[in-house]
Every structure is written in C-alpha cells, then in structure tokens.
C-alpha cells in the first residue's frame, strides 16, 4: 500500500494542526502518520501518540480529548 492519501493533501492545510496517532492502530502505521504530519503546510503542527490505543481510540477517547482541549487552550482566547 502507498499509505494514507492525507500525505498528499496536507500541504494545503496551513492552519494550526494537531495529530493524535493511536499506536496500536493497524490501519495507519507510525511511519505513515509521521509522513502525514511532515507533509502539513502549517508551521504550527503538534503530533502526539497514544501508546497502545486502537484505531478508533476505544478506551482512550477521554485521554485524546484532554490533549485536544489542552491544545485548544493555548490557541483560542
């Protein structure tokens, strides 16, 4: 497989961006998620991993949401 198509569209994303990658996901490997992150057109990119979290974040959604809320607090007055 060639990996996620998001890597080809990410250069168009120039707004602040957060990626939360569940490392136990079998659909997107770490190197693929990093390629998407690296392709982002934004200069404000945050990349976080959730160790052992599955693709749909079952059992890790609260932790993921806490990261998003913390990230937003630094950007939204």
PDB file of N, CA and C in Angstrom:
ATOM      1  N   UNK A   1       0.838  -1.189   0.000  1.00  0.00           N
ATOM      2  CA  UNK A   1       0.000   0.000   0.000  1.00  0.00           C
ATOM      3  C   UNK A   1       0.872   1.237   0.000  1.00  0.00           C
ATOM      4  N   UNK A   2       0.338   2.274  -0.564  1.00  0.00           N
ATOM      5  CA  UNK A   2       1.105   3.515  -0.680  1.00  0.00           C
ATOM      6  C   UNK A   2       0.945   4.408   0.536  1.00  0.00           C
ATOM      7  N   UNK A   3       0.136   4.033   1.470  1.00  0.00           N
ATOM      8  CA  UNK A   3      -0.043   4.845   2.668  1.00  0.00           C
ATOM      9  C   UNK A   3      -1.237   5.762   2.542  1.00  0.00           C
ATOM     10  N   UNK A   4      -1.497   6.503   3.601  1.00  0.00           N
ATOM     11  CA  UNK A   4      -2.671   7.369   3.618  1.00  0.00           C
ATOM     12  C   UNK A   4      -2.579   8.476   2.578  1.00  0.00           C
ATOM     13  N   UNK A   5      -3.670   8.764   1.937  1.00  0.00           N
ATOM     14  CA  UNK A   5      -3.706   9.843   0.944  1.00  0.00           C
ATOM     15  C   UNK A   5      -3.584  11.213   1.586  1.00  0.00           C
ATOM     16  N   UNK A   6      -3.820  11.279   2.883  1.00  0.00           N
ATOM     17  CA  UNK A   6      -3.734  12.568   3.555  1.00  0.00           C
ATOM     18  C   UNK A   6      -2.368  13.229   3.343  1.00  0.00           C
ATOM     19  N   UNK A   7      -1.335  12.429   3.193  1.00  0.00           N
ATOM     20  CA  UNK A   7       0.005  12.986   2.996  1.00  0.00           C
ATOM     21  C   UNK A   7       0.066  13.834   1.724  1.00  0.00           C
ATOM     22  N   UNK A   8      -0.765  13.528   0.742  1.00  0.00           N
ATOM     23  CA  UNK A   8      -0.751  14.314  -0.496  1.00  0.00           C
ATOM     24  C   UNK A   8      -1.599  15.570  -0.401  1.00  0.00           C
ATOM     25  N   UNK A   9      -2.534  15.614   0.527  1.00  0.00           N
ATOM     26  CA  UNK A   9      -3.389  16.790   0.669  1.00  0.00           C
ATOM     27  C   UNK A   9      -2.952  17.711   1.809  1.00  0.00           C
ATOM     28  N   UNK A  10      -2.122  17.224   2.702  1.00  0.00           N
ATOM     29  CA  UNK A  10      -1.725  18.007   3.877  1.00  0.00           C
ATOM     30  C   UNK A  10      -0.985  19.308   3.555  1.00  0.00           C
ATOM     31  N   UNK A  11      -0.238  19.416   2.469  1.00  0.00           N
ATOM     32  CA  UNK A  11       0.405  20.698   2.197  1.00  0.00           C
ATOM     33  C   UNK A  11      -0.589  21.856   2.057  1.00  0.00           C
ATOM     34  N   UNK A  12      -1.841  21.542   1.724  1.00  0.00           N
ATOM     35  CA  UNK A  12      -2.870  22.572   1.605  1.00  0.00           C
ATOM     36  C   UNK A  12      -3.408  23.033   2.951  1.00  0.00           C
ATOM     37  N   UNK A  13      -3.107  22.313   4.001  1.00  0.00           N
ATOM     38  CA  UNK A  13      -3.586  22.649   5.343  1.00  0.00           C
ATOM     39  C   UNK A  13      -2.553  23.571   5.989  1.00  0.00           C
ATOM     40  N   UNK A  14      -2.912  24.855   6.090  1.00  0.00           N
ATOM     41  CA  UNK A  14      -1.963  25.843   6.596  1.00  0.00           C
ATOM     42  C   UNK A  14      -2.364  26.405   7.955  1.00  0.00           C
ATOM     43  N   UNK A  15      -3.418  25.875   8.528  1.00  0.00           N
ATOM     44  CA  UNK A  15      -3.862  26.319   9.846  1.00  0.00           C
ATOM     45  C   UNK A  15      -3.212  25.455  10.927  1.00  0.00           C
ATOM     46  N   UNK A  16      -3.205  25.902  12.178  1.00  0.00           N
ATOM     47  CA  UNK A  16      -2.668  25.058  13.253  1.00  0.00           C
ATOM     48  C   UNK A  16      -3.336  23.678  13.235  1.00  0.00           C
ATOM     49  N   UNK A  17      -2.516  22.666  13.419  1.00  0.00           N
ATOM     50  CA  UNK A  17      -2.982  21.292  13.244  1.00  0.00           C
ATOM     51  C   UNK A  17      -2.481  20.416  14.381  1.00  0.00           C
ATOM     52  N   UNK A  18      -3.358  19.547  14.863  1.00  0.00           N
ATOM     53  CA  UNK A  18      -2.965  18.555  15.864  1.00  0.00           C
ATOM     54  C   UNK A  18      -3.236  17.170  15.295  1.00  0.00           C
ATOM     55  N   UNK A  19      -2.262  16.293  15.438  1.00  0.00           N
ATOM     56  CA  UNK A  19      -2.400  14.893  15.068  1.00  0.00           C
ATOM     57  C   UNK A  19      -2.285  14.080  16.344  1.00  0.00           C
ATOM     58  N   UNK A  20      -3.216  13.185  16.540  1.00  0.00           N
ATOM     59  CA  UNK A  20      -3.119  12.246  17.653  1.00  0.00           C
ATOM     60  C   UNK A  20      -3.146  10.857  17.033  1.00  0.00           C
ATOM     61  N   UNK A  21      -2.022  10.178  17.124  1.00  0.00           N
ATOM     62  CA  UNK A  21      -1.913   8.867  16.487  1.00  0.00           C
ATOM     63  C   UNK A  21      -2.010   7.752  17.526  1.00  0.00           C
ATOM     64  N   UNK A  22      -3.006   6.885  17.395  1.00  0.00           N
ATOM     65  CA  UNK A  22      -3.113   5.720  18.276  1.00  0.00           C
ATOM     66  C   UNK A  22      -2.130   4.648  17.803  1.00  0.00           C
ATOM     67  N   UNK A  23      -1.126   4.348  18.592  1.00  0.00           N
ATOM     68  CA  UNK A  23      -0.034   3.493  18.125  1.00  0.00           C
ATOM     69  C   UNK A  23      -0.420   2.033  17.920  1.00  0.00           C
ATOM     70  N   UNK A  24      -1.528   1.592  18.478  1.00  0.00           N
ATOM     71  CA  UNK A  24      -1.957   0.213  18.251  1.00  0.00           C
ATOM     72  C   UNK A  24      -2.855   0.084  17.024  1.00  0.00           C
ATOM     73  N   UNK A  25      -3.060   1.166  16.312  1.00  0.00           N
ATOM     74  CA  UNK A  25      -3.867   1.112  15.095  1.00  0.00           C
ATOM     75  C   UNK A  25      -3.159   0.252  14.059  1.00  0.00           C
ATOM     76  N   UNK A  26      -3.905  -0.614  13.427  1.00  0.00           N
ATOM     77  CA  UNK A  26      -3.323  -1.442  12.372  1.00  0.00           C
ATOM     78  C   UNK A  26      -3.571  -0.826  10.998  1.00  0.00           C
ATOM     79  N   UNK A  27      -4.416   0.194  10.941  1.00  0.00           N
ATOM     80  CA  UNK A  27      -4.762   0.827   9.676  1.00  0.00           C
ATOM     81  C   UNK A  27      -3.708   1.841   9.234  1.00  0.00           C
ATOM     82  N   UNK A  28      -3.118   2.551  10.179  1.00  0.00           N
ATOM     83  CA  UNK A  28      -2.109   3.566   9.868  1.00  0.00           C
ATOM     84  C   UNK A  28      -0.912   3.328  10.773  1.00  0.00           C
ATOM     85  N   UNK A  29       0.192   3.016  10.182  1.00  0.00           N
ATOM     86  CA  UNK A  29       1.429   2.765  10.919  1.00  0.00           C
ATOM     87  C   UNK A  29       2.068   4.081  11.344  1.00  0.00           C
ATOM     88  N   UNK A  30       2.942   4.005  12.328  1.00  0.00           N
ATOM     89  CA  UNK A  30       3.601   5.211  12.850  1.00  0.00           C
ATOM     90  C   UNK A  30       4.309   5.961  11.728  1.00  0.00           C
ATOM     91  N   UNK A  31       5.055   5.280  10.881  1.00  0.00           N
ATOM     92  CA  UNK A  31       5.784   5.985   9.820  1.00  0.00           C
ATOM     93  C   UNK A  31       4.822   6.665   8.845  1.00  0.00           C
ATOM     94  N   UNK A  32       3.640   6.102   8.638  1.00  0.00           N
ATOM     95  CA  UNK A  32       2.647   6.731   7.770  1.00  0.00           C
ATOM     96  C   UNK A  32       2.068   7.977   8.431  1.00  0.00           C
ATOM     97  N   UNK A  33       1.768   7.880   9.722  1.00  0.00           N
ATOM     98  CA  UNK A  33       1.249   9.033  10.452  1.00  0.00           C
ATOM     99  C   UNK A  33       2.285  10.158  10.477  1.00  0.00           C
ATOM    100  N   UNK A  34       3.546   9.797  10.649  1.00  0.00           N
ATOM    101  CA  UNK A  34       4.614  10.809  10.642  1.00  0.00           C
ATOM    102  C   UNK A  34       4.754  11.448   9.269  1.00  0.00           C
ATOM    103  N   UNK A  35       4.534  10.697   8.209  1.00  0.00           N
ATOM    104  CA  UNK A  35       4.581  11.258   6.855  1.00  0.00           C
ATOM    105  C   UNK A  35       3.463  12.275   6.652  1.00  0.00           C
ATOM    106  N   UNK A  36       2.288  11.971   7.178  1.00  0.00           N
ATOM    107  CA  UNK A  36       1.177  12.923   7.098  1.00  0.00           C
ATOM    108  C   UNK A  36       1.536  14.185   7.873  1.00  0.00           C
ATOM    109  N   UNK A  37       2.041  14.017   9.079  1.00  0.00           N
ATOM    110  CA  UNK A  37       2.464  15.158   9.896  1.00  0.00           C
ATOM    111  C   UNK A  37       3.505  15.989   9.159  1.00  0.00           C
ATOM    112  N   UNK A  38       4.505  15.338   8.619  1.00  0.00           N
ATOM    113  CA  UNK A  38       5.600  16.035   7.957  1.00  0.00           C
ATOM    114  C   UNK A  38       5.165  16.761   6.690  1.00  0.00           C
ATOM    115  N   UNK A  39       4.073  16.319   6.097  1.00  0.00           N
ATOM    116  CA  UNK A  39       3.574  16.943   4.874  1.00  0.00           C
ATOM    117  C   UNK A  39       2.711  18.172   5.135  1.00  0.00           C
ATOM    118  N   UNK A  40       2.351  18.415   6.389  1.00  0.00           N
ATOM    119  CA  UNK A  40       1.458  19.533   6.715  1.00  0.00           C
ATOM    120  C   UNK A  40       2.047  20.851   6.246  1.00  0.00           C
ATOM    121  N   UNK A  41       1.184  21.700   5.724  1.00  0.00           N
ATOM    122  CA  UNK A  41       1.607  23.010   5.260  1.00  0.00           C
ATOM    123  C   UNK A  41       1.669  24.048   6.364  1.00  0.00           C
ATOM    124  N   UNK A  42       1.213  23.693   7.536  1.00  0.00           N
ATOM    125  CA  UNK A  42       1.215  24.610   8.673  1.00  0.00           C
ATOM    126  C   UNK A  42       2.588  24.639   9.340  1.00  0.00           C
ATOM    127  N   UNK A  43       2.908  25.796   9.913  1.00  0.00           N
ATOM    128  CA  UNK A  43       4.128  25.896  10.710  1.00  0.00           C
ATOM    129  C   UNK A  43       3.828  25.581  12.169  1.00  0.00           C
ATOM    130  N   UNK A  44       2.563  25.378  12.489  1.00  0.00           N
ATOM    131  CA  UNK A  44       2.127  25.071  13.851  1.00  0.00           C
ATOM    132  C   UNK A  44       1.494  23.680  13.848  1.00  0.00           C
ATOM    133  N   UNK A  45       2.332  22.660  14.000  1.00  0.00           N
ATOM    134  CA  UNK A  45       1.871  21.279  13.955  1.00  0.00           C
ATOM    135  C   UNK A  45       2.265  20.587  15.252  1.00  0.00           C
ATOM    136  N   UNK A  46       1.291  19.974  15.887  1.00  0.00           N
ATOM    137  CA  UNK A  46       1.526  19.186  17.093  1.00  0.00           C
ATOM    138  C   UNK A  46       1.219  17.739  16.765  1.00  0.00           C
ATOM    139  N   UNK A  47       2.145  16.850  17.107  1.00  0.00           N
ATOM    140  CA  UNK A  47       1.979  15.420  16.851  1.00  0.00           C
ATOM    141  C   UNK A  47       2.126  14.685  18.169  1.00  0.00           C
ATOM    142  N   UNK A  48       1.077  13.966  18.540  1.00  0.00           N
ATOM    143  CA  UNK A  48       1.080  13.195  19.782  1.00  0.00           C
ATOM    144  C   UNK A  48       0.765  11.743  19.463  1.00  0.00           C
ATOM    145  N   UNK A  49       1.297  10.857  20.267  1.00  0.00           N
ATOM    146  CA  UNK A  49       0.948   9.452  20.131  1.00  0.00           C
ATOM    147  C   UNK A  49       0.250   8.989  21.398  1.00  0.00           C
ATOM    148  N   UNK A  50      -0.676   8.076  21.228  1.00  0.00           N
ATOM    149  CA  UNK A  50      -1.325   7.436  22.360  1.00  0.00           C
ATOM    150  C   UNK A  50      -0.913   5.968  22.328  1.00  0.00           C
ATOM    151  N   UNK A  51       0.039   5.630  23.177  1.00  0.00           N
ATOM    152  CA  UNK A  51       0.576   4.275  23.217  1.00  0.00           C
ATOM    153  C   UNK A  51      -0.529   3.273  23.537  1.00  0.00           C
ATOM    154  N   UNK A  52      -0.559   2.219  22.778  1.00  0.00           N
ATOM    155  CA  UNK A  52      -1.483   1.094  22.947  1.00  0.00           C
ATOM    156  C   UNK A  52      -2.930   1.411  22.604  1.00  0.00           C
ATOM    157  N   UNK A  53      -3.203   2.616  22.122  1.00  0.00           N
ATOM    158  CA  UNK A  53      -4.574   2.974  21.750  1.00  0.00           C
ATOM    159  C   UNK A  53      -4.910   2.376  20.389  1.00  0.00           C
ATOM    160  N   UNK A  54      -6.120   1.810  20.246  1.00  0.00           N
ATOM    161  CA  UNK A  54      -6.535   1.252  18.962  1.00  0.00           C
ATOM    162  C   UNK A  54      -7.026   2.349  18.011  1.00  0.00           C
ATOM    163  N   UNK A  55      -7.275   1.955  16.772  1.00  0.00           N
ATOM    164  CA  UNK A  55      -7.634   2.901  15.710  1.00  0.00           C
ATOM    165  C   UNK A  55      -8.761   3.861  16.089  1.00  0.00           C
ATOM    166  N   UNK A  56      -9.831   3.381  16.639  1.00  0.00           N
ATOM    167  CA  UNK A  56     -10.953   4.252  16.979  1.00  0.00           C
ATOM    168  C   UNK A  56     -10.895   4.769  18.416  1.00  0.00           C
ATOM    169  N   UNK A  57      -9.748   4.622  19.040  1.00  0.00           N
ATOM    170  CA  UNK A  57      -9.476   5.171  20.368  1.00  0.00           C
ATOM    171  C   UNK A  57     -10.348   4.589  21.480  1.00  0.00           C
ATOM    172  N   UNK A  58     -10.907   3.398  21.279  1.00  0.00           N
ATOM    173  CA  UNK A  58     -11.704   2.772  22.337  1.00  0.00           C
ATOM    174  C   UNK A  58     -10.873   2.666  23.611  1.00  0.00           C
ATOM    175  N   UNK A  59     -11.415   3.202  24.700  1.00  0.00           N
ATOM    176  CA  UNK A  59     -10.719   3.188  25.979  1.00  0.00           C
ATOM    177  C   UNK A  59      -9.720   4.327  26.141  1.00  0.00           C
ATOM    178  N   UNK A  60      -9.523   5.126  25.091  1.00  0.00           N
ATOM    179  CA  UNK A  60      -8.549   6.219  25.126  1.00  0.00           C
ATOM    180  C   UNK A  60      -9.152   7.545  24.674  1.00  0.00           C
ATOM    181  N   UNK A  61     -10.436   7.573  24.471  1.00  0.00           N
ATOM    182  CA  UNK A  61     -11.069   8.788  23.936  1.00  0.00           C
ATOM    183  C   UNK A  61     -10.962   9.958  24.891  1.00  0.00           C
ATOM    184  N   UNK A  62     -11.124   9.713  26.173  1.00  0.00           N
ATOM    185  CA  UNK A  62     -11.011  10.806  27.148  1.00  0.00           C
ATOM    186  C   UNK A  62      -9.602  11.396  27.129  1.00  0.00           C
ATOM    187  N   UNK A  63      -8.596  10.534  27.103  1.00  0.00           N
ATOM    188  CA  UNK A  63      -7.210  11.000  27.055  1.00  0.00           C
ATOM    189  C   UNK A  63      -6.957  11.814  25.784  1.00  0.00           C
ATOM    190  N   UNK A  64      -7.458  11.333  24.659  1.00  0.00           N
ATOM    191  CA  UNK A  64      -7.294  12.061  23.398  1.00  0.00           C
ATOM    192  C   UNK A  64      -7.986  13.417  23.469  1.00  0.00           C
ATOM    193  N   UNK A  65      -9.191  13.430  23.995  1.00  0.00           N
ATOM    194  CA  UNK A  65      -9.938  14.674  24.121  1.00  0.00           C
ATOM    195  C   UNK A  65      -9.247  15.652  25.058  1.00  0.00           C
ATOM    196  N   UNK A  66      -8.674  15.157  26.132  1.00  0.00           N
ATOM    197  CA  UNK A  66      -7.923  16.029  27.041  1.00  0.00           C
ATOM    198  C   UNK A  66      -6.759  16.698  26.313  1.00  0.00           C
ATOM    199  N   UNK A  67      -6.085  15.963  25.443  1.00  0.00           N
ATOM    200  CA  UNK A  67      -4.992  16.545  24.649  1.00  0.00           C
ATOM    201  C   UNK A  67      -5.509  17.642  23.730  1.00  0.00           C
ATOM    202  N   UNK A  68      -6.635  17.401  23.097  1.00  0.00           N
ATOM    203  CA  UNK A  68      -7.216  18.394  22.188  1.00  0.00           C
ATOM    204  C   UNK A  68      -7.616  19.645  22.957  1.00  0.00           C
ATOM    205  N   UNK A  69      -8.256  19.476  24.106  1.00  0.00           N
ATOM    206  CA  UNK A  69      -8.668  20.627  24.914  1.00  0.00           C
ATOM    207  C   UNK A  69      -7.448  21.435  25.353  1.00  0.00           C
ATOM    208  N   UNK A  70      -6.407  20.765  25.826  1.00  0.00           N
ATOM    209  CA  UNK A  70      -5.181  21.470  26.223  1.00  0.00           C
ATOM    210  C   UNK A  70      -4.574  22.215  25.040  1.00  0.00           C
ATOM    211  N   UNK A  71      -4.558  21.592  23.883  1.00  0.00           N
ATOM    212  CA  UNK A  71      -4.008  22.197  22.671  1.00  0.00           C
ATOM    213  C   UNK A  71      -4.819  23.434  22.290  1.00  0.00           C
ATOM    214  N   UNK A  72      -6.139  23.329  22.347  1.00  0.00           N
ATOM    215  CA  UNK A  72      -7.003  24.467  22.022  1.00  0.00           C
ATOM    216  C   UNK A  72      -6.828  25.628  23.004  1.00  0.00           C
ATOM    217  N   UNK A  73      -6.643  25.306  24.268  1.00  0.00           N
ATOM    218  CA  UNK A  73      -6.487  26.363  25.271  1.00  0.00           C
ATOM    219  C   UNK A  73      -5.298  27.271  24.968  1.00  0.00           C
ATOM    220  N   UNK A  74      -4.272  26.737  24.328  1.00  0.00           N
ATOM    221  CA  UNK A  74      -3.097  27.558  24.002  1.00  0.00           C
ATOM    222  C   UNK A  74      -3.298  28.375  22.744  1.00  0.00           C
ATOM    223  N   UNK A  75      -4.391  28.142  22.012  1.00  0.00           N
ATOM    224  CA  UNK A  75      -4.602  28.805  20.732  1.00  0.00           C
ATOM    225  C   UNK A  75      -5.872  29.648  20.641  1.00  0.00           C
ATOM    226  N   UNK A  76      -6.825  29.385  21.520  1.00  0.00           N
ATOM    227  CA  UNK A  76      -8.106  30.095  21.468  1.00  0.00           C
ATOM    228  C   UNK A  76      -8.256  30.915  22.733  1.00  0.00           C
ATOM    229  N   UNK A  77      -8.404  32.208  22.555  1.00  0.00           N
ATOM    230  CA  UNK A  77      -8.536  33.065  23.762  1.00  0.00           C
ATOM    231  C   UNK A  77      -9.812  32.795  24.551  1.00  0.00           C
TER     232      UNK A  77
END
